[in-house]
Structures are given as structure tokens and as C-alpha cells.
Amino acid sequence: MTKVLVIQAHPHIDNSLSLTVGKEFVEDYKKSHPNDEVVIRDLFTEEGVPALNDVTMIAWKKQKFGQEMTDEEKETIKKHDEWLDEFISADKYIFINPMYNHFLPAEMKQYLDLTAIARKTFKYTPEGAVGLLTGKKAMHIQAAGGKYHSEDANPMMDLGSVYLTKMLNFYGINDIDNIFIEGADENPEKRQEILEKALQDAQAKAPKF
């Protein structure tokens, strides 16, 4: 069975363009892939993404050298392993987020830090780092108030999309597609038109994903 992991990095608000298009994509995907397992990982729950803090670093060091850990350190390692194992076990990934100041939400960045683990998602070799998650694919659904991917725009100003793509490449994932919902703040009178076009993109791409 194919496992699809939906990584949703968005506050729980109404009328979100990225959440609306993301929901449409996931629902259409389920219709065309009824036997696949779809798991939603919401990064904006009260629990949030496991932190990379002092406790984490100490726990990793103790784990590496086989030293006794405190209960807090053991629980920290357990949470990290659960999230990492979930990520590694997926065959396909759907990332859903708004653009924040030309980048990803902090929760998405923290999630990528959580999954960038040597010997798990990549490994070091004499020739450099090599990704271990080959053969997988990803879809990135992102809304932005301005335009960054139209013919007259500069896509390099969308640093978040560039970063996500590079990190997935680092993991060995090269089959990546995107749905960008852009310009609704620049042109509020075209908001519905922009949304409708993105929904059509989702409906067209979901069955093929």
C-alpha cells in the first residue's frame, strides 16, 4: 500500500487559500487512489513540532555514546524517532503552507531540521552527502500574497520553495511538483479567480500524483 504523508504548516484560520487548495488536492487524490493510506501531519497543533533544543542535543549525545538518559531525554528521543520514522515510511509527500516573508513558516523549517538526520534520510560518502529516500515524490502547495512564479516575476524571491526543493533533493527526492496560489493580496479583486485556477490545477494534478 502506498503511504501519502500530508505535512500541513498553516495556522487554523478560515478562508485560507493554501488550505482550501490543499484540501481539494487531498480529496481528489483519495478519489483516484482509494487504496492508498493518507496521513495528515498538522504542524500547528498544540503539541507542535518536537524542538531541537538543549535537551535534544544532550539526549543525542548520550544516545550516541550509550549513556544513561533522564526520563525527559528518553521522551524527547522517542518523539523525534516517531516523527522521523513517519516521514521515512511515506512514499509520497504533500507540503501545504503559506509564504511568510519570502520563506516557509518556522514550523516547516523546524520539521525539515527534524527530518535531516544522517544515516536516516541521507548519508555521508567520500564523494559527499547522498540522499536515502530515492524513488519517492512530493507536491508543494503554497499561497503567497504577491507573484513570484509568473512570467514577469523572480522565482528566486520565493526562498522557501527553493529551500524545500533543495532539502528534498538532499534526501534523494527529485520528483517534485508545485501548485502556487499567488497574487490575491496584490489583486484582491481577482482572489476568487486565482483560487479557482489553483483548484483546477489541484483537480488536474491529483490523479496523476
N, C-alpha and C. Protein backbone atom coordinates (compact mmCIF):
# COMPACT_ATOMS: atom_id res chain seq x y z
N MET A 1 0.83 -1.20 0.00
CA MET A 1 0.00 0.00 0.00
C MET A 1 0.87 1.25 0.00
N THR A 2 0.53 2.20 -0.85
CA THR A 2 1.26 3.46 -0.91
C THR A 2 0.83 4.35 0.24
N LYS A 3 1.82 4.96 0.91
CA LYS A 3 1.53 5.86 2.03
C LYS A 3 1.82 7.29 1.62
N VAL A 4 0.84 8.16 1.81
CA VAL A 4 0.98 9.57 1.49
C VAL A 4 0.98 10.37 2.79
N LEU A 5 2.01 11.17 2.99
CA LEU A 5 2.12 11.99 4.19
C LEU A 5 1.86 13.44 3.83
N VAL A 6 0.83 14.03 4.43
CA VAL A 6 0.49 15.43 4.20
C VAL A 6 1.09 16.25 5.33
N ILE A 7 2.05 17.11 5.02
CA ILE A 7 2.68 17.97 6.03
C ILE A 7 2.05 19.35 5.89
N GLN A 8 1.21 19.68 6.85
CA GLN A 8 0.42 20.91 6.79
C GLN A 8 0.97 21.92 7.78
N ALA A 9 1.56 23.00 7.28
CA ALA A 9 2.16 24.02 8.13
C ALA A 9 1.39 25.32 7.96
N HIS A 10 0.24 25.40 8.60
CA HIS A 10 -0.62 26.57 8.43
C HIS A 10 -1.46 26.78 9.69
N PRO A 11 -1.59 28.04 10.16
CA PRO A 11 -2.49 28.31 11.28
C PRO A 11 -3.91 27.89 10.93
N HIS A 12 -4.69 27.58 11.95
CA HIS A 12 -6.05 27.12 11.72
C HIS A 12 -6.98 28.32 11.56
N ILE A 13 -7.08 28.84 10.33
CA ILE A 13 -7.90 30.01 10.04
C ILE A 13 -8.86 29.69 8.91
N ASP A 14 -9.91 30.50 8.81
CA ASP A 14 -10.87 30.33 7.73
C ASP A 14 -10.37 31.04 6.47
N ASN A 15 -10.90 30.63 5.34
CA ASN A 15 -10.64 31.29 4.05
C ASN A 15 -9.17 31.26 3.63
N SER A 16 -8.43 30.26 4.08
CA SER A 16 -7.03 30.12 3.66
C SER A 16 -6.98 29.54 2.25
N LEU A 17 -6.24 30.20 1.38
CA LEU A 17 -6.10 29.71 0.01
C LEU A 17 -5.33 28.40 -0.04
N SER A 18 -4.22 28.34 0.68
CA SER A 18 -3.40 27.13 0.62
C SER A 18 -4.12 25.93 1.25
N LEU A 19 -4.84 26.17 2.36
CA LEU A 19 -5.59 25.06 2.97
C LEU A 19 -6.74 24.61 2.08
N THR A 20 -7.40 25.56 1.43
CA THR A 20 -8.52 25.21 0.55
C THR A 20 -8.04 24.37 -0.63
N VAL A 21 -6.95 24.81 -1.26
CA VAL A 21 -6.42 24.07 -2.40
C VAL A 21 -5.82 22.74 -1.95
N GLY A 22 -5.15 22.76 -0.79
CA GLY A 22 -4.58 21.52 -0.27
C GLY A 22 -5.65 20.49 0.02
N LYS A 23 -6.77 20.93 0.59
CA LYS A 23 -7.88 20.01 0.88
C LYS A 23 -8.43 19.43 -0.40
N GLU A 24 -8.59 20.28 -1.42
CA GLU A 24 -9.10 19.81 -2.71
C GLU A 24 -8.15 18.77 -3.32
N PHE A 25 -6.85 19.04 -3.25
CA PHE A 25 -5.87 18.11 -3.80
C PHE A 25 -5.95 16.76 -3.09
N VAL A 26 -5.98 16.79 -1.77
CA VAL A 26 -6.02 15.54 -0.99
C VAL A 26 -7.30 14.76 -1.27
N GLU A 27 -8.44 15.45 -1.31
CA GLU A 27 -9.71 14.76 -1.57
C GLU A 27 -9.74 14.14 -2.96
N ASP A 28 -9.24 14.89 -3.96
CA ASP A 28 -9.21 14.35 -5.32
C ASP A 28 -8.23 13.18 -5.42
N TYR A 29 -7.13 13.29 -4.68
CA TYR A 29 -6.15 12.19 -4.67
C TYR A 29 -6.80 10.91 -4.11
N LYS A 30 -7.53 11.06 -3.00
CA LYS A 30 -8.17 9.90 -2.38
C LYS A 30 -9.16 9.24 -3.33
N LYS A 31 -9.89 10.05 -4.09
CA LYS A 31 -10.87 9.51 -5.02
C LYS A 31 -10.21 8.66 -6.11
N SER A 32 -9.05 9.11 -6.58
CA SER A 32 -8.36 8.40 -7.66
C SER A 32 -7.39 7.33 -7.16
N HIS A 33 -7.10 7.35 -5.85
CA HIS A 33 -6.22 6.34 -5.24
C HIS A 33 -6.87 5.80 -3.97
N PRO A 34 -8.03 5.14 -4.10
CA PRO A 34 -8.81 4.73 -2.92
C PRO A 34 -8.11 3.76 -1.98
N ASN A 35 -7.11 3.07 -2.46
CA ASN A 35 -6.43 2.07 -1.62
C ASN A 35 -5.18 2.60 -0.92
N ASP A 36 -4.83 3.85 -1.20
CA ASP A 36 -3.65 4.44 -0.57
C ASP A 36 -3.97 4.92 0.84
N GLU A 37 -2.96 4.91 1.70
CA GLU A 37 -3.10 5.44 3.06
C GLU A 37 -2.66 6.90 3.06
N VAL A 38 -3.52 7.78 3.54
CA VAL A 38 -3.21 9.20 3.62
C VAL A 38 -3.16 9.62 5.08
N VAL A 39 -2.01 10.14 5.51
CA VAL A 39 -1.79 10.56 6.89
C VAL A 39 -1.59 12.08 6.92
N ILE A 40 -2.30 12.77 7.79
CA ILE A 40 -2.16 14.22 7.93
C ILE A 40 -1.26 14.53 9.12
N ARG A 41 -0.19 15.25 8.90
CA ARG A 41 0.69 15.71 9.99
C ARG A 41 0.54 17.23 10.08
N ASP A 42 -0.25 17.68 11.03
CA ASP A 42 -0.52 19.10 11.23
C ASP A 42 0.55 19.68 12.15
N LEU A 43 1.36 20.59 11.63
CA LEU A 43 2.46 21.16 12.41
C LEU A 43 2.00 22.27 13.34
N PHE A 44 0.73 22.66 13.27
CA PHE A 44 0.22 23.75 14.09
C PHE A 44 -0.70 23.26 15.21
N THR A 45 -0.54 22.03 15.64
CA THR A 45 -1.28 21.54 16.80
C THR A 45 -0.65 22.12 18.07
N GLU A 46 -1.33 21.95 19.20
CA GLU A 46 -0.82 22.47 20.47
C GLU A 46 0.53 21.85 20.81
N GLU A 47 0.71 20.58 20.47
CA GLU A 47 1.99 19.89 20.75
C GLU A 47 3.12 20.49 19.92
N GLY A 48 2.84 20.82 18.66
CA GLY A 48 3.85 21.40 17.79
C GLY A 48 4.92 20.41 17.37
N VAL A 49 5.86 20.90 16.60
CA VAL A 49 6.98 20.08 16.12
C VAL A 49 7.97 19.87 17.25
N PRO A 50 8.43 18.64 17.49
CA PRO A 50 9.44 18.43 18.52
C PRO A 50 10.62 19.37 18.37
N ALA A 51 11.02 19.97 19.47
CA ALA A 51 12.05 21.01 19.42
C ALA A 51 13.46 20.42 19.27
N LEU A 52 14.32 21.22 18.66
CA LEU A 52 15.75 20.92 18.65
C LEU A 52 16.39 21.91 19.62
N ASN A 53 16.51 21.49 20.88
CA ASN A 53 16.99 22.39 21.92
C ASN A 53 18.10 21.73 22.74
N ASP A 54 18.41 22.30 23.89
CA ASP A 54 19.48 21.75 24.73
C ASP A 54 19.22 20.30 25.11
N VAL A 55 17.97 20.01 25.47
CA VAL A 55 17.62 18.63 25.88
C VAL A 55 17.85 17.67 24.72
N THR A 56 17.47 18.10 23.51
CA THR A 56 17.65 17.26 22.34
C THR A 56 19.12 16.94 22.10
N MET A 57 19.96 17.96 22.16
CA MET A 57 21.38 17.78 21.87
C MET A 57 22.05 16.87 22.91
N ILE A 58 21.70 17.06 24.16
CA ILE A 58 22.26 16.22 25.22
C ILE A 58 21.79 14.77 25.05
N ALA A 59 20.49 14.61 24.73
CA ALA A 59 19.94 13.26 24.55
C ALA A 59 20.61 12.54 23.39
N TRP A 60 20.82 13.26 22.27
CA TRP A 60 21.50 12.65 21.12
C TRP A 60 22.93 12.22 21.48
N LYS A 61 23.62 13.06 22.25
CA LYS A 61 24.99 12.74 22.64
C LYS A 61 25.03 11.50 23.53
N LYS A 62 24.10 11.44 24.49
CA LYS A 62 24.05 10.28 25.38
C LYS A 62 23.68 9.02 24.61
N GLN A 63 22.76 9.17 23.66
CA GLN A 63 22.36 8.01 22.86
C GLN A 63 23.54 7.49 22.04
N LYS A 64 24.31 8.41 21.47
CA LYS A 64 25.46 8.04 20.64
C LYS A 64 26.50 7.25 21.44
N PHE A 65 26.72 7.66 22.68
CA PHE A 65 27.76 7.02 23.50
C PHE A 65 27.20 6.02 24.50
N GLY A 66 25.92 5.68 24.36
CA GLY A 66 25.32 4.66 25.21
C GLY A 66 25.23 5.04 26.67
N GLN A 67 25.07 6.32 26.95
CA GLN A 67 24.98 6.79 28.33
C GLN A 67 23.53 6.81 28.80
N GLU A 68 23.36 6.71 30.11
CA GLU A 68 22.01 6.71 30.68
C GLU A 68 21.35 8.06 30.49
N MET A 69 20.08 8.03 30.07
CA MET A 69 19.33 9.27 29.84
C MET A 69 18.26 9.46 30.91
N THR A 70 17.90 10.71 31.14
CA THR A 70 16.81 11.02 32.04
C THR A 70 15.49 10.69 31.35
N ASP A 71 14.40 10.66 32.12
CA ASP A 71 13.09 10.39 31.53
C ASP A 71 12.73 11.43 30.48
N GLU A 72 13.07 12.70 30.74
CA GLU A 72 12.78 13.76 29.78
C GLU A 72 13.56 13.54 28.49
N GLU A 73 14.81 13.13 28.60
CA GLU A 73 15.64 12.89 27.42
C GLU A 73 15.12 11.69 26.62
N LYS A 74 14.69 10.65 27.34
CA LYS A 74 14.13 9.48 26.67
C LYS A 74 12.86 9.83 25.91
N GLU A 75 12.00 10.66 26.52
CA GLU A 75 10.76 11.05 25.87
C GLU A 75 11.04 11.93 24.65
N THR A 76 12.08 12.77 24.77
CA THR A 76 12.47 13.62 23.64
C THR A 76 12.92 12.77 22.46
N ILE A 77 13.77 11.80 22.70
CA ILE A 77 14.25 10.90 21.65
C ILE A 77 13.10 10.12 21.04
N LYS A 78 12.17 9.67 21.90
CA LYS A 78 11.03 8.90 21.42
C LYS A 78 10.18 9.72 20.44
N LYS A 79 9.90 10.99 20.80
CA LYS A 79 9.10 11.84 19.92
C LYS A 79 9.80 12.09 18.60
N HIS A 80 11.09 12.37 18.67
CA HIS A 80 11.86 12.61 17.45
C HIS A 80 11.83 11.38 16.54
N ASP A 81 12.03 10.22 17.12
CA ASP A 81 12.05 8.98 16.34
C ASP A 81 10.69 8.70 15.70
N GLU A 82 9.61 8.98 16.44
CA GLU A 82 8.27 8.74 15.91
C GLU A 82 8.01 9.60 14.68
N TRP A 83 8.34 10.89 14.78
CA TRP A 83 8.13 11.80 13.66
C TRP A 83 9.04 11.45 12.49
N LEU A 84 10.28 11.11 12.77
CA LEU A 84 11.24 10.77 11.72
C LEU A 84 10.83 9.48 11.01
N ASP A 85 10.43 8.47 11.78
CA ASP A 85 10.02 7.20 11.19
C ASP A 85 8.78 7.39 10.30
N GLU A 86 7.88 8.24 10.74
CA GLU A 86 6.68 8.51 9.94
C GLU A 86 7.08 9.12 8.61
N PHE A 87 8.02 10.05 8.63
CA PHE A 87 8.47 10.72 7.41
C PHE A 87 9.14 9.72 6.47
N ILE A 88 10.04 8.91 7.01
CA ILE A 88 10.78 7.96 6.18
C ILE A 88 9.86 6.90 5.57
N SER A 89 8.83 6.52 6.29
CA SER A 89 7.96 5.43 5.84
C SER A 89 7.03 5.84 4.70
N ALA A 90 6.89 7.13 4.45
CA ALA A 90 5.98 7.59 3.39
C ALA A 90 6.58 7.38 2.01
N ASP A 91 5.69 7.21 1.04
CA ASP A 91 6.10 7.07 -0.36
C ASP A 91 5.93 8.38 -1.12
N LYS A 92 4.96 9.18 -0.67
CA LYS A 92 4.67 10.46 -1.31
C LYS A 92 4.45 11.51 -0.23
N TYR A 93 4.78 12.76 -0.57
CA TYR A 93 4.65 13.85 0.40
C TYR A 93 3.87 15.00 -0.23
N ILE A 94 2.97 15.58 0.56
CA ILE A 94 2.25 16.79 0.14
C ILE A 94 2.52 17.86 1.20
N PHE A 95 3.23 18.90 0.81
CA PHE A 95 3.56 20.00 1.71
C PHE A 95 2.59 21.15 1.44
N ILE A 96 1.93 21.64 2.49
CA ILE A 96 0.96 22.72 2.35
C ILE A 96 1.34 23.85 3.31
N ASN A 97 1.54 25.06 2.77
CA ASN A 97 1.94 26.18 3.64
C ASN A 97 1.70 27.52 2.97
N PRO A 98 1.61 28.59 3.76
CA PRO A 98 1.63 29.94 3.21
C PRO A 98 3.08 30.41 3.13
N MET A 99 3.35 31.40 2.29
CA MET A 99 4.67 32.03 2.31
C MET A 99 4.70 33.05 3.44
N TYR A 100 5.75 33.02 4.24
CA TYR A 100 5.98 34.02 5.28
C TYR A 100 7.24 34.79 4.94
N ASN A 101 7.10 36.04 4.52
CA ASN A 101 8.26 36.89 4.28
C ASN A 101 9.30 36.22 3.39
N HIS A 102 8.84 35.73 2.23
CA HIS A 102 9.70 35.09 1.23
C HIS A 102 10.23 33.72 1.67
N PHE A 103 9.68 33.17 2.76
CA PHE A 103 10.19 31.88 3.24
C PHE A 103 9.04 31.01 3.76
N LEU A 104 9.41 29.88 4.32
CA LEU A 104 8.46 28.96 4.90
C LEU A 104 8.10 29.38 6.32
N PRO A 105 6.97 28.94 6.85
CA PRO A 105 6.69 29.13 8.27
C PRO A 105 7.77 28.45 9.11
N ALA A 106 8.05 29.00 10.29
CA ALA A 106 9.10 28.44 11.16
C ALA A 106 8.85 26.97 11.48
N GLU A 107 7.58 26.60 11.59
CA GLU A 107 7.24 25.20 11.91
C GLU A 107 7.68 24.26 10.80
N MET A 108 7.58 24.70 9.55
CA MET A 108 8.04 23.86 8.45
C MET A 108 9.56 23.74 8.45
N LYS A 109 10.24 24.84 8.71
CA LYS A 109 11.70 24.79 8.79
C LYS A 109 12.12 23.84 9.91
N GLN A 110 11.46 23.92 11.05
CA GLN A 110 11.80 23.04 12.17
C GLN A 110 11.53 21.58 11.82
N TYR A 111 10.47 21.33 11.04
CA TYR A 111 10.16 19.97 10.61
C TYR A 111 11.27 19.43 9.71
N LEU A 112 11.77 20.25 8.81
CA LEU A 112 12.85 19.82 7.93
C LEU A 112 14.13 19.58 8.72
N ASP A 113 14.38 20.39 9.75
CA ASP A 113 15.52 20.14 10.62
C ASP A 113 15.37 18.80 11.34
N LEU A 114 14.15 18.49 11.72
CA LEU A 114 13.86 17.25 12.43
C LEU A 114 14.11 16.02 11.56
N THR A 115 13.89 16.17 10.25
CA THR A 115 14.00 15.03 9.35
C THR A 115 15.36 14.93 8.65
N ALA A 116 16.19 15.93 8.81
CA ALA A 116 17.53 15.90 8.19
C ALA A 116 18.50 15.19 9.11
N ILE A 117 18.45 13.87 9.13
CA ILE A 117 19.25 13.07 10.06
C ILE A 117 20.17 12.13 9.27
N ALA A 118 21.46 12.24 9.53
CA ALA A 118 22.44 11.39 8.86
C ALA A 118 22.15 9.92 9.13
N ARG A 119 22.34 9.10 8.11
CA ARG A 119 22.11 7.66 8.12
C ARG A 119 20.63 7.29 8.18
N LYS A 120 19.76 8.30 8.12
CA LYS A 120 18.32 8.07 8.08
C LYS A 120 17.71 8.59 6.78
N THR A 121 17.90 9.87 6.51
CA THR A 121 17.38 10.46 5.27
C THR A 121 18.50 10.79 4.28
N PHE A 122 19.74 10.77 4.76
CA PHE A 122 20.91 10.94 3.89
C PHE A 122 22.11 10.30 4.56
N LYS A 123 23.18 10.13 3.81
CA LYS A 123 24.41 9.58 4.39
C LYS A 123 25.60 10.30 3.79
N TYR A 124 26.69 10.31 4.54
CA TYR A 124 27.93 10.90 4.06
C TYR A 124 28.77 9.84 3.37
N THR A 125 29.35 10.21 2.23
CA THR A 125 30.23 9.31 1.49
C THR A 125 31.49 10.09 1.12
N PRO A 126 32.53 9.40 0.64
CA PRO A 126 33.74 10.12 0.20
C PRO A 126 33.46 11.15 -0.89
N GLU A 127 32.37 10.95 -1.61
CA GLU A 127 32.02 11.88 -2.68
C GLU A 127 31.05 12.98 -2.21
N GLY A 128 30.69 12.93 -0.94
CA GLY A 128 29.74 13.91 -0.41
C GLY A 128 28.47 13.24 0.09
N ALA A 129 27.50 14.07 0.50
CA ALA A 129 26.25 13.54 1.04
C ALA A 129 25.39 12.93 -0.07
N VAL A 130 24.72 11.83 0.25
CA VAL A 130 23.85 11.14 -0.70
C VAL A 130 22.50 10.91 -0.03
N GLY A 131 21.41 11.24 -0.74
CA GLY A 131 20.06 11.04 -0.21
C GLY A 131 19.68 9.57 -0.15
N LEU A 132 18.88 9.22 0.86
CA LEU A 132 18.47 7.84 1.06
C LEU A 132 16.99 7.60 0.74
N LEU A 133 16.26 8.64 0.37
CA LEU A 133 14.83 8.50 0.12
C LEU A 133 14.51 8.54 -1.37
N THR A 134 15.30 7.83 -2.15
CA THR A 134 15.10 7.81 -3.60
C THR A 134 13.80 7.08 -3.96
N GLY A 135 13.26 7.41 -5.13
CA GLY A 135 12.06 6.74 -5.60
C GLY A 135 10.77 7.32 -5.05
N LYS A 136 10.85 8.36 -4.24
CA LYS A 136 9.66 8.99 -3.67
C LYS A 136 9.34 10.27 -4.44
N LYS A 137 8.18 10.86 -4.18
CA LYS A 137 7.79 12.07 -4.88
C LYS A 137 7.09 13.03 -3.94
N ALA A 138 7.03 14.30 -4.34
CA ALA A 138 6.45 15.32 -3.47
C ALA A 138 5.66 16.35 -4.27
N MET A 139 4.66 16.91 -3.62
CA MET A 139 3.87 18.02 -4.15
C MET A 139 3.93 19.16 -3.13
N HIS A 140 4.22 20.38 -3.61
CA HIS A 140 4.27 21.55 -2.73
C HIS A 140 3.15 22.50 -3.11
N ILE A 141 2.25 22.77 -2.16
CA ILE A 141 1.12 23.69 -2.36
C ILE A 141 1.34 24.90 -1.47
N GLN A 142 1.49 26.07 -2.08
CA GLN A 142 1.84 27.27 -1.32
C GLN A 142 1.08 28.49 -1.83
N ALA A 143 0.57 29.30 -0.89
CA ALA A 143 -0.09 30.55 -1.23
C ALA A 143 0.80 31.72 -0.84
N ALA A 144 0.79 32.77 -1.66
CA ALA A 144 1.55 33.99 -1.38
C ALA A 144 0.74 35.19 -1.84
N GLY A 145 0.86 36.28 -1.11
CA GLY A 145 0.10 37.49 -1.45
C GLY A 145 0.54 38.13 -2.74
N GLY A 146 1.84 38.01 -3.04
CA GLY A 146 2.39 38.56 -4.28
C GLY A 146 2.60 37.49 -5.33
N LYS A 147 3.23 37.88 -6.43
CA LYS A 147 3.51 36.95 -7.52
C LYS A 147 5.01 36.68 -7.59
N TYR A 148 5.36 35.39 -7.61
CA TYR A 148 6.77 35.00 -7.62
C TYR A 148 7.08 34.00 -8.72
N HIS A 149 6.06 33.44 -9.37
CA HIS A 149 6.29 32.41 -10.36
C HIS A 149 5.60 32.69 -11.69
N SER A 150 5.15 33.92 -11.88
CA SER A 150 4.59 34.30 -13.17
C SER A 150 5.73 34.66 -14.13
N GLU A 151 5.41 34.92 -15.38
CA GLU A 151 6.44 35.16 -16.39
C GLU A 151 7.31 36.37 -16.07
N ASP A 152 6.72 37.39 -15.46
CA ASP A 152 7.48 38.61 -15.19
C ASP A 152 7.96 38.71 -13.74
N ALA A 153 7.93 37.59 -13.02
CA ALA A 153 8.35 37.59 -11.61
C ALA A 153 9.71 36.92 -11.45
N ASN A 154 10.27 37.06 -10.26
CA ASN A 154 11.56 36.45 -9.94
C ASN A 154 11.36 35.31 -8.96
N PRO A 155 11.37 34.05 -9.42
CA PRO A 155 11.13 32.92 -8.53
C PRO A 155 12.15 32.77 -7.41
N MET A 156 13.33 33.36 -7.58
CA MET A 156 14.34 33.26 -6.53
C MET A 156 13.96 34.05 -5.29
N MET A 157 12.96 34.93 -5.41
CA MET A 157 12.47 35.64 -4.24
C MET A 157 11.60 34.74 -3.37
N ASP A 158 11.18 33.62 -3.93
CA ASP A 158 10.47 32.62 -3.14
C ASP A 158 11.51 31.68 -2.54
N LEU A 159 12.18 32.14 -1.50
CA LEU A 159 13.27 31.37 -0.92
C LEU A 159 12.78 30.08 -0.26
N GLY A 160 11.55 30.10 0.22
CA GLY A 160 11.01 28.91 0.88
C GLY A 160 10.86 27.75 -0.07
N SER A 161 10.31 28.02 -1.25
CA SER A 161 10.15 26.95 -2.23
C SER A 161 11.51 26.42 -2.69
N VAL A 162 12.45 27.33 -2.89
CA VAL A 162 13.81 26.92 -3.27
C VAL A 162 14.42 26.03 -2.19
N TYR A 163 14.27 26.46 -0.94
CA TYR A 163 14.85 25.70 0.18
C TYR A 163 14.22 24.32 0.30
N LEU A 164 12.88 24.27 0.23
CA LEU A 164 12.20 22.98 0.34
C LEU A 164 12.65 22.04 -0.77
N THR A 165 12.74 22.55 -1.99
CA THR A 165 13.18 21.72 -3.10
C THR A 165 14.60 21.20 -2.89
N LYS A 166 15.49 22.07 -2.44
CA LYS A 166 16.87 21.65 -2.21
C LYS A 166 16.97 20.61 -1.09
N MET A 167 16.17 20.78 -0.04
CA MET A 167 16.20 19.81 1.05
C MET A 167 15.66 18.45 0.59
N LEU A 168 14.59 18.46 -0.19
CA LEU A 168 14.06 17.20 -0.69
C LEU A 168 15.07 16.53 -1.63
N ASN A 169 15.73 17.33 -2.47
CA ASN A 169 16.81 16.79 -3.32
C ASN A 169 17.90 16.19 -2.46
N PHE A 170 18.22 16.84 -1.35
CA PHE A 170 19.24 16.36 -0.42
C PHE A 170 18.87 14.99 0.14
N TYR A 171 17.55 14.78 0.32
CA TYR A 171 17.07 13.48 0.81
C TYR A 171 16.99 12.43 -0.29
N GLY A 172 17.22 12.86 -1.55
CA GLY A 172 17.13 11.93 -2.67
C GLY A 172 15.81 11.99 -3.40
N ILE A 173 14.95 12.98 -3.06
CA ILE A 173 13.63 13.12 -3.69
C ILE A 173 13.73 14.18 -4.78
N ASN A 174 13.60 13.76 -6.02
CA ASN A 174 13.77 14.67 -7.15
C ASN A 174 12.50 14.86 -7.97
N ASP A 175 11.50 14.01 -7.74
CA ASP A 175 10.23 14.11 -8.45
C ASP A 175 9.32 15.05 -7.64
N ILE A 176 9.38 16.35 -7.94
CA ILE A 176 8.69 17.38 -7.16
C ILE A 176 7.85 18.24 -8.08
N ASP A 177 6.59 18.45 -7.70
CA ASP A 177 5.71 19.34 -8.45
C ASP A 177 5.19 20.42 -7.51
N ASN A 178 4.61 21.47 -8.08
CA ASN A 178 4.16 22.60 -7.27
C ASN A 178 2.81 23.12 -7.74
N ILE A 179 2.05 23.65 -6.81
CA ILE A 179 0.87 24.46 -7.11
C ILE A 179 1.03 25.75 -6.32
N PHE A 180 1.24 26.85 -7.02
CA PHE A 180 1.42 28.15 -6.38
C PHE A 180 0.15 28.97 -6.54
N ILE A 181 -0.39 29.45 -5.42
CA ILE A 181 -1.59 30.29 -5.41
C ILE A 181 -1.12 31.69 -5.07
N GLU A 182 -0.98 32.54 -6.08
CA GLU A 182 -0.28 33.80 -5.87
C GLU A 182 -1.03 35.03 -6.38
N GLY A 183 -0.83 36.15 -5.68
CA GLY A 183 -1.31 37.43 -6.16
C GLY A 183 -2.62 37.91 -5.58
N ALA A 184 -3.22 37.17 -4.65
CA ALA A 184 -4.53 37.55 -4.11
C ALA A 184 -4.48 38.82 -3.27
N ASP A 185 -3.33 39.10 -2.65
CA ASP A 185 -3.21 40.35 -1.88
C ASP A 185 -2.89 41.53 -2.80
N GLU A 186 -2.09 41.28 -3.82
CA GLU A 186 -1.78 42.33 -4.79
C GLU A 186 -3.02 42.72 -5.59
N ASN A 187 -3.85 41.72 -5.89
CA ASN A 187 -5.06 41.94 -6.70
C ASN A 187 -6.26 41.30 -6.01
N PRO A 188 -6.75 41.89 -4.91
CA PRO A 188 -7.84 41.28 -4.16
C PRO A 188 -9.10 41.07 -4.98
N GLU A 189 -9.31 41.89 -6.00
CA GLU A 189 -10.50 41.74 -6.84
C GLU A 189 -10.44 40.46 -7.67
N LYS A 190 -9.23 39.86 -7.77
CA LYS A 190 -9.06 38.62 -8.53
C LYS A 190 -8.89 37.40 -7.63
N ARG A 191 -9.14 37.56 -6.35
CA ARG A 191 -8.93 36.47 -5.39
C ARG A 191 -9.67 35.19 -5.80
N GLN A 192 -10.95 35.31 -6.12
CA GLN A 192 -11.73 34.13 -6.47
C GLN A 192 -11.22 33.50 -7.76
N GLU A 193 -10.84 34.33 -8.71
CA GLU A 193 -10.29 33.83 -9.98
C GLU A 193 -8.99 33.07 -9.74
N ILE A 194 -8.14 33.62 -8.88
CA ILE A 194 -6.86 32.97 -8.54
C ILE A 194 -7.11 31.64 -7.86
N LEU A 195 -8.09 31.62 -6.94
CA LEU A 195 -8.42 30.39 -6.23
C LEU A 195 -8.97 29.33 -7.19
N GLU A 196 -9.86 29.74 -8.07
CA GLU A 196 -10.46 28.79 -9.00
C GLU A 196 -9.41 28.14 -9.90
N LYS A 197 -8.47 28.94 -10.36
CA LYS A 197 -7.41 28.39 -11.21
C LYS A 197 -6.57 27.37 -10.44
N ALA A 198 -6.25 27.68 -9.18
CA ALA A 198 -5.46 26.76 -8.36
C ALA A 198 -6.23 25.47 -8.07
N LEU A 199 -7.54 25.60 -7.85
CA LEU A 199 -8.37 24.41 -7.63
C LEU A 199 -8.39 23.53 -8.87
N GLN A 200 -8.44 24.14 -10.03
CA GLN A 200 -8.39 23.38 -11.28
C GLN A 200 -7.05 22.67 -11.44
N ASP A 201 -5.98 23.35 -11.04
CA ASP A 201 -4.65 22.71 -11.07
C ASP A 201 -4.63 21.50 -10.15
N ALA A 202 -5.20 21.66 -8.96
CA ALA A 202 -5.23 20.56 -7.99
C ALA A 202 -6.03 19.37 -8.53
N GLN A 203 -7.18 19.66 -9.14
CA GLN A 203 -8.02 18.61 -9.69
C GLN A 203 -7.32 17.88 -10.84
N ALA A 204 -6.52 18.61 -11.61
CA ALA A 204 -5.82 18.00 -12.74
C ALA A 204 -4.61 17.19 -12.30
N LYS A 205 -3.91 17.68 -11.28
CA LYS A 205 -2.65 17.03 -10.88
C LYS A 205 -2.83 15.90 -9.88
N ALA A 206 -3.86 15.96 -9.06
CA ALA A 206 -4.03 14.96 -8.01
C ALA A 206 -4.13 13.51 -8.55
N PRO A 207 -4.91 13.25 -9.59
CA PRO A 207 -5.00 11.87 -10.08
C PRO A 207 -3.67 11.32 -10.60
N LYS A 208 -2.79 12.22 -11.06
CA LYS A 208 -1.52 11.78 -11.65
C LYS A 208 -0.40 11.70 -10.61
N PHE A 209 -0.66 12.15 -9.40
CA PHE A 209 0.39 12.22 -8.38
C PHE A 209 0.65 10.85 -7.78
